Amino acid sequence: MRIWVWPKTLVIYLALVLLGGYAVFASDWFQKKIIYPWPYESLVHRYAVEYDVSPYLVAGVIMAESKFITQARSPKGALGLMQIMPETAVWIAGQLQEEEFNPTSLHDPQTNLQLGTWYLAYLNKEFGANETLVLAAYNGGPGNVRQWMNRYGWDADFADVRQIPFAETREYVTKVRKNKHHYEQLYGR
């Protein structure tokens, strides 16, 4: 009988360690500190308010795009927190009447957040505040989304992410929405 005491104790000990580990993992502290941190939160809020965009959506985009790494650079050349292509950034800067804009400033968090948040607001207007279409356009380009809308008969109520023809864009929209949900849950209280 004594032989079975040690394995039972080990099982109980392992169960307690696993429960404790899960409790830490599931805690808001761990989620905020490790899984869904929010550097530049005040800047995100500033531009989200200025351009009337959900700050949680902006945070979700940043997490999907760069994981808040200011020096991030995609293989295609997108730069900074919100992974903005230099050509797009030049166009946005022109819309904002920023005549001294230099694409190398996309690694600056304030510049990147201002341009990226403005662009989300622009896409919001372009696509009737349909979050699925806005995110698809942010990732796959507004021209592609307009083509898909025409080709597949999508309207302002379109929501079926599974119908997006680009796998990368489908995954991106799903990921950003998940991120947005977590940021709302953790920081929106």
Protein backbone atom coordinates (compact mmCIF):
# COMPACT_ATOMS: atom_id res chain seq x y z
CA MET A 1 0.00 0.00 0.00
CA ARG A 2 2.80 2.43 0.79
CA ILE A 3 4.09 2.26 -2.81
CA TRP A 4 0.96 4.03 -4.07
CA VAL A 5 1.29 7.01 -1.71
CA TRP A 6 4.22 8.56 -3.57
CA PRO A 7 2.60 8.46 -7.06
CA LYS A 8 -0.63 9.90 -5.63
CA THR A 9 1.32 12.70 -3.97
CA LEU A 10 3.14 13.37 -7.23
CA VAL A 11 -0.14 13.50 -9.16
CA ILE A 12 -1.64 15.91 -6.61
CA TYR A 13 1.50 18.05 -6.67
CA LEU A 14 1.50 18.17 -10.51
CA ALA A 15 -2.20 19.01 -10.55
CA LEU A 16 -1.62 21.90 -8.13
CA VAL A 17 1.32 23.19 -10.19
CA LEU A 18 -0.75 23.02 -13.38
CA LEU A 19 -3.71 24.78 -11.74
CA GLY A 20 -1.40 27.45 -10.34
CA GLY A 21 0.27 27.89 -13.72
CA TYR A 22 -3.07 28.21 -15.43
CA ALA A 23 -4.25 30.75 -12.84
CA VAL A 24 -1.16 32.87 -13.50
CA PHE A 25 -1.51 32.51 -17.29
CA ALA A 26 -5.18 33.44 -17.18
CA SER A 27 -4.63 36.42 -14.86
CA ASP A 28 -5.07 39.92 -16.25
CA TRP A 29 -1.58 40.77 -15.01
CA PHE A 30 0.07 38.02 -17.08
CA GLN A 31 -2.11 38.67 -20.11
CA LYS A 32 -1.28 42.41 -20.03
CA LYS A 33 2.40 42.00 -19.22
CA ILE A 34 3.28 39.08 -21.50
CA ILE A 35 0.58 38.16 -24.03
CA TYR A 36 -1.16 41.47 -24.84
CA PRO A 37 1.07 44.32 -23.69
CA TRP A 38 0.17 47.84 -24.78
CA PRO A 39 3.18 50.09 -25.20
CA TYR A 40 2.31 53.52 -26.60
CA GLU A 41 -1.22 53.20 -25.21
CA SER A 42 -1.54 56.95 -24.66
CA LEU A 43 -0.43 57.70 -28.24
CA VAL A 44 -2.86 55.12 -29.59
CA HIS A 45 -5.69 56.72 -27.61
CA ARG A 46 -4.66 60.20 -28.74
CA TYR A 47 -4.85 59.36 -32.44
CA ALA A 48 -7.83 57.04 -32.04
CA VAL A 49 -9.80 59.92 -30.53
CA GLU A 50 -8.49 62.41 -33.11
CA TYR A 51 -9.47 60.18 -36.05
CA ASP A 52 -12.51 58.49 -34.48
CA VAL A 53 -11.18 54.93 -34.60
CA SER A 54 -11.44 52.29 -31.88
CA PRO A 55 -8.18 52.28 -29.88
CA TYR A 56 -8.65 48.53 -29.41
CA LEU A 57 -8.76 48.07 -33.17
CA VAL A 58 -5.54 50.05 -33.52
CA ALA A 59 -3.91 47.94 -30.79
CA GLY A 60 -5.15 44.78 -32.52
CA VAL A 61 -3.63 45.90 -35.81
CA ILE A 62 -0.31 46.76 -34.17
CA MET A 63 -0.16 43.41 -32.39
CA ALA A 64 -0.82 41.56 -35.65
CA GLU A 65 1.53 43.72 -37.70
CA SER A 66 4.59 44.25 -35.51
CA LYS A 67 3.92 43.06 -31.96
CA PHE A 68 4.79 46.66 -30.96
CA ILE A 69 8.31 46.50 -32.38
CA THR A 70 9.05 50.01 -33.68
CA GLN A 71 11.88 48.87 -35.95
CA ALA A 72 9.79 46.14 -37.60
CA ARG A 73 10.21 45.78 -41.36
CA SER A 74 8.24 43.33 -43.47
CA PRO A 75 9.77 41.37 -46.36
CA LYS A 76 7.73 43.61 -48.70
CA GLY A 77 9.12 46.79 -47.10
CA ALA A 78 6.35 47.89 -44.71
CA LEU A 79 7.75 49.75 -41.72
CA GLY A 80 7.12 50.40 -38.07
CA LEU A 81 4.41 49.60 -35.56
CA MET A 82 1.52 49.56 -38.03
CA GLN A 83 3.63 48.24 -40.93
CA ILE A 84 2.94 51.01 -43.41
CA MET A 85 4.37 50.82 -46.91
CA PRO A 86 6.53 53.90 -47.66
CA GLU A 87 4.46 54.75 -50.77
CA THR A 88 1.26 54.62 -48.75
CA ALA A 89 2.85 56.73 -46.03
CA VAL A 90 3.84 59.40 -48.57
CA TRP A 91 0.25 59.47 -49.84
CA ILE A 92 -1.16 59.68 -46.28
CA ALA A 93 1.30 62.46 -45.39
CA GLY A 94 0.09 64.35 -48.46
CA GLN A 95 -3.51 63.95 -47.31
CA LEU A 96 -2.48 65.31 -43.91
CA GLN A 97 -0.57 68.15 -45.65
CA GLU A 98 2.71 67.05 -44.08
CA GLU A 99 5.10 68.52 -46.64
CA GLU A 100 8.33 67.60 -44.85
CA PHE A 101 7.52 63.89 -44.52
CA ASN A 102 10.33 61.34 -44.92
CA PRO A 103 9.45 57.62 -45.01
CA THR A 104 12.38 56.83 -42.69
CA SER A 105 10.31 58.46 -39.93
CA LEU A 106 7.94 55.47 -40.06
CA HIS A 107 10.06 53.88 -37.33
CA ASP A 108 9.07 56.76 -35.03
CA PRO A 109 6.08 55.54 -32.98
CA GLN A 110 4.26 58.87 -33.02
CA THR A 111 4.56 59.30 -36.79
CA ASN A 112 3.64 55.69 -37.50
CA LEU A 113 0.64 55.73 -35.18
CA GLN A 114 -0.63 59.02 -36.58
CA LEU A 115 -0.40 57.83 -40.19
CA GLY A 116 -1.66 54.31 -39.51
CA THR A 117 -4.62 55.46 -37.45
CA TRP A 118 -5.52 58.10 -40.02
CA TYR A 119 -5.41 55.37 -42.69
CA LEU A 120 -7.75 53.14 -40.66
CA ALA A 121 -10.15 56.10 -40.37
CA TYR A 122 -9.89 56.67 -44.13
CA LEU A 123 -10.67 52.99 -44.79
CA ASN A 124 -13.54 53.21 -42.29
CA LYS A 125 -15.11 55.96 -44.41
CA GLU A 126 -14.28 54.18 -47.67
CA PHE A 127 -15.92 50.93 -46.58
CA GLY A 128 -18.82 52.20 -44.49
CA ALA A 129 -17.23 51.32 -41.13
CA ASN A 130 -17.46 47.60 -42.01
CA GLU A 131 -14.63 46.22 -39.88
CA THR A 132 -14.18 43.10 -42.02
CA LEU A 133 -13.76 45.16 -45.19
CA VAL A 134 -11.60 47.78 -43.45
CA LEU A 135 -9.17 45.16 -42.16
CA ALA A 136 -9.16 43.30 -45.47
CA ALA A 137 -8.30 46.59 -47.19
CA TYR A 138 -5.59 47.41 -44.64
CA ASN A 139 -3.94 44.08 -45.39
CA GLY A 140 -4.86 43.27 -48.98
CA GLY A 141 -5.32 46.77 -50.35
CA PRO A 142 -8.47 48.81 -50.92
CA GLY A 143 -8.36 48.14 -54.67
CA ASN A 144 -8.56 44.40 -54.11
CA VAL A 145 -11.45 44.80 -51.68
CA ARG A 146 -13.38 46.97 -54.15
CA GLN A 147 -12.81 44.31 -56.83
CA TRP A 148 -14.04 41.58 -54.49
CA MET A 149 -17.10 43.62 -53.61
CA ASN A 150 -17.95 44.00 -57.30
CA ARG A 151 -17.08 40.44 -58.28
CA TYR A 152 -18.81 38.69 -55.38
CA GLY A 153 -21.63 41.14 -54.71
CA TRP A 154 -20.47 42.06 -51.23
CA ASP A 155 -22.26 45.01 -49.68
CA ALA A 156 -21.87 47.11 -46.53
CA ASP A 157 -23.14 44.19 -44.43
CA PHE A 158 -20.44 41.76 -45.60
CA ALA A 159 -19.03 39.82 -42.64
CA ASP A 160 -18.06 36.31 -43.81
CA VAL A 161 -14.28 36.31 -43.48
CA ARG A 162 -14.17 32.83 -45.05
CA GLN A 163 -15.17 34.36 -48.42
CA ILE A 164 -12.08 36.56 -48.64
CA PRO A 165 -10.09 35.10 -51.56
CA PHE A 166 -6.58 35.73 -50.13
CA ALA A 167 -5.67 33.27 -47.36
CA GLU A 168 -3.22 35.76 -45.83
CA THR A 169 -5.94 38.42 -45.66
CA ARG A 170 -8.49 35.99 -44.19
CA GLU A 171 -6.02 35.03 -41.46
CA TYR A 172 -5.08 38.66 -40.88
CA VAL A 173 -8.69 39.82 -40.40
CA THR A 174 -9.33 36.95 -37.99
CA LYS A 175 -6.14 37.65 -36.04
CA VAL A 176 -6.79 41.39 -35.71
CA ARG A 177 -10.36 40.83 -34.56
CA LYS A 178 -9.14 38.36 -31.94
CA ASN A 179 -6.49 40.83 -30.80
CA LYS A 180 -9.04 43.64 -30.66
CA HIS A 181 -11.35 41.49 -28.53
CA HIS A 182 -8.52 40.73 -26.07
CA TYR A 183 -7.51 44.40 -25.83
CA GLU A 184 -11.12 45.38 -25.16
CA GLN A 185 -11.44 42.71 -22.48
CA LEU A 186 -8.16 43.57 -20.77
CA TYR A 187 -8.01 47.35 -21.09
CA GLY A 188 -11.60 48.43 -21.67
CA ARG A 189 -12.83 47.90 -18.14
